[in-house]
Amino acid sequence: MNYQAALKNYVRRAALPAVCILLIVYFVSHAITGPTGVFAWKDYRVQRADLLQQATASAEARAALDRQVKLLDPRRVDPDLADELVRKNLNVVKPDEVIVRLDDR
C-alpha cells in the first residue's frame, strides 16, 4: 500500500513540470516550423524578391506610359507616334502603301 501512495505522490509532483515542459516544446516547435517560424523566413525572402521584381517592372511600365503621354500632349503631339497610333487603331493606310499579310503563326 505504501508503494502505491508513494507512486501517486510522485506522479502528482511530476505532473505540473511535465505539462510545463510539453507546453514549452509545443511553443518552440511552432516558433521553428509554424507559418511565421524560422523555416518560413526563407519563403518570405523569396516572396519579397518576387514582389521587388514586380514593383520594378511596374515602375518601368509606368515610366514608359508617362513618356507616351508626354508625347501625346495636345499642344505638341509627336507626329510619328500619332501616325503609328492612327494606323494601328483605325487600320488606316496611305494610297501608295502595300500591305503584306502574314499568317498568325
Protein backbone atom coordinates (compact mmCIF):
# COMPACT_ATOMS: atom_id res chain seq x y z
CA MET A 1 0.00 0.00 0.00
CA ASN A 2 2.84 2.32 0.84
CA TYR A 3 4.32 1.77 -2.62
CA GLN A 4 1.09 2.90 -4.35
CA ALA A 5 0.81 6.02 -2.23
CA ALA A 6 4.43 6.92 -2.97
CA LEU A 7 3.81 6.40 -6.67
CA LYS A 8 0.72 8.65 -6.63
CA ASN A 9 2.62 11.32 -4.76
CA TYR A 10 5.48 11.12 -7.28
CA VAL A 11 3.06 11.38 -10.25
CA ARG A 12 1.28 14.39 -8.70
CA ARG A 13 4.55 16.20 -8.14
CA ALA A 14 5.80 15.39 -11.64
CA ALA A 15 2.58 16.36 -13.46
CA LEU A 16 2.99 20.15 -13.36
CA PRO A 17 6.64 20.18 -14.59
CA ALA A 18 5.72 17.65 -17.30
CA VAL A 19 2.85 19.84 -18.52
CA CYS A 20 5.13 22.89 -18.49
CA ILE A 21 7.79 21.05 -20.49
CA LEU A 22 5.19 19.91 -23.02
CA LEU A 23 3.93 23.48 -23.42
CA ILE A 24 7.46 24.76 -23.93
CA VAL A 25 8.13 22.08 -26.54
CA TYR A 26 4.85 22.95 -28.30
CA PHE A 27 5.62 26.67 -28.49
CA VAL A 28 9.24 26.15 -29.53
CA SER A 29 8.17 23.76 -32.29
CA HIS A 30 5.70 26.36 -33.60
CA ALA A 31 8.36 29.05 -33.39
CA ILE A 32 10.56 26.94 -35.63
CA THR A 33 8.11 25.26 -38.04
CA GLY A 34 4.97 27.41 -37.80
CA PRO A 35 3.63 29.74 -40.52
CA THR A 36 5.75 32.60 -39.16
CA GLY A 37 8.57 30.45 -37.84
CA VAL A 38 12.22 30.24 -38.70
CA PHE A 39 11.67 27.95 -41.70
CA ALA A 40 9.03 30.33 -43.13
CA TRP A 41 11.54 33.18 -43.34
CA LYS A 42 13.14 31.63 -46.41
CA ASP A 43 9.78 31.68 -48.21
CA TYR A 44 9.26 35.28 -47.15
CA ARG A 45 12.62 36.26 -48.61
CA VAL A 46 11.70 34.61 -51.93
CA GLN A 47 8.30 36.32 -51.96
CA ARG A 48 9.93 39.66 -51.16
CA ALA A 49 12.37 39.28 -54.05
CA ASP A 50 9.47 38.45 -56.41
CA LEU A 51 7.50 41.46 -55.21
CA LEU A 52 10.51 43.73 -55.68
CA GLN A 53 10.86 42.47 -59.27
CA GLN A 54 7.16 43.13 -59.89
CA ALA A 55 7.49 46.61 -58.41
CA THR A 56 10.47 47.35 -60.66
CA ALA A 57 8.60 46.08 -63.73
CA SER A 58 5.57 48.18 -62.79
CA ALA A 59 7.74 51.26 -62.35
CA GLU A 60 9.32 50.70 -65.77
CA ALA A 61 5.91 50.23 -67.40
CA ARG A 62 4.64 53.37 -65.72
CA ALA A 63 7.67 55.33 -66.94
CA ALA A 64 7.04 54.09 -70.49
CA LEU A 65 3.39 55.15 -70.26
CA ASP A 66 4.42 58.54 -68.88
CA ARG A 67 6.75 59.04 -71.84
CA GLN A 68 3.95 58.14 -74.23
CA VAL A 69 1.53 60.51 -72.50
CA LYS A 70 4.06 63.33 -72.77
CA LEU A 71 4.43 62.61 -76.49
CA LEU A 72 0.65 62.82 -76.91
CA ASP A 73 0.36 66.25 -75.30
CA PRO A 74 -2.42 68.09 -77.24
CA ARG A 75 -0.31 71.25 -77.56
CA ARG A 76 2.56 69.48 -79.34
CA VAL A 77 1.82 65.94 -80.49
CA ASP A 78 4.70 63.83 -81.77
CA PRO A 79 3.79 63.21 -85.44
CA ASP A 80 5.44 59.80 -85.63
CA LEU A 81 3.60 58.48 -82.57
CA ALA A 82 0.29 59.93 -83.76
CA ASP A 83 0.76 58.31 -87.18
CA GLU A 84 1.61 54.96 -85.57
CA LEU A 85 -1.43 55.05 -83.27
CA VAL A 86 -3.82 56.05 -86.07
CA ARG A 87 -2.58 53.26 -88.30
CA LYS A 88 -2.71 50.67 -85.54
CA ASN A 89 -6.09 51.55 -84.04
CA LEU A 90 -8.02 52.66 -87.14
CA ASN A 91 -6.41 50.39 -89.75
CA VAL A 92 -5.64 53.38 -91.97
CA VAL A 93 -3.10 53.17 -94.80
CA LYS A 94 -1.80 55.61 -97.37
CA PRO A 95 -2.78 55.04 -101.03
CA ASP A 96 0.77 54.26 -102.13
CA GLU A 97 1.46 51.64 -99.44
CA VAL A 98 1.45 47.89 -99.98
CA ILE A 99 0.04 45.62 -97.26
CA VAL A 100 1.62 42.20 -96.77
CA ARG A 101 -0.47 39.85 -94.65
CA LEU A 102 1.32 37.27 -92.54
CA ASP A 103 -0.04 34.08 -91.02
CA ASP A 104 -0.98 34.16 -87.34
CA ARG A 105 1.85 31.73 -86.64
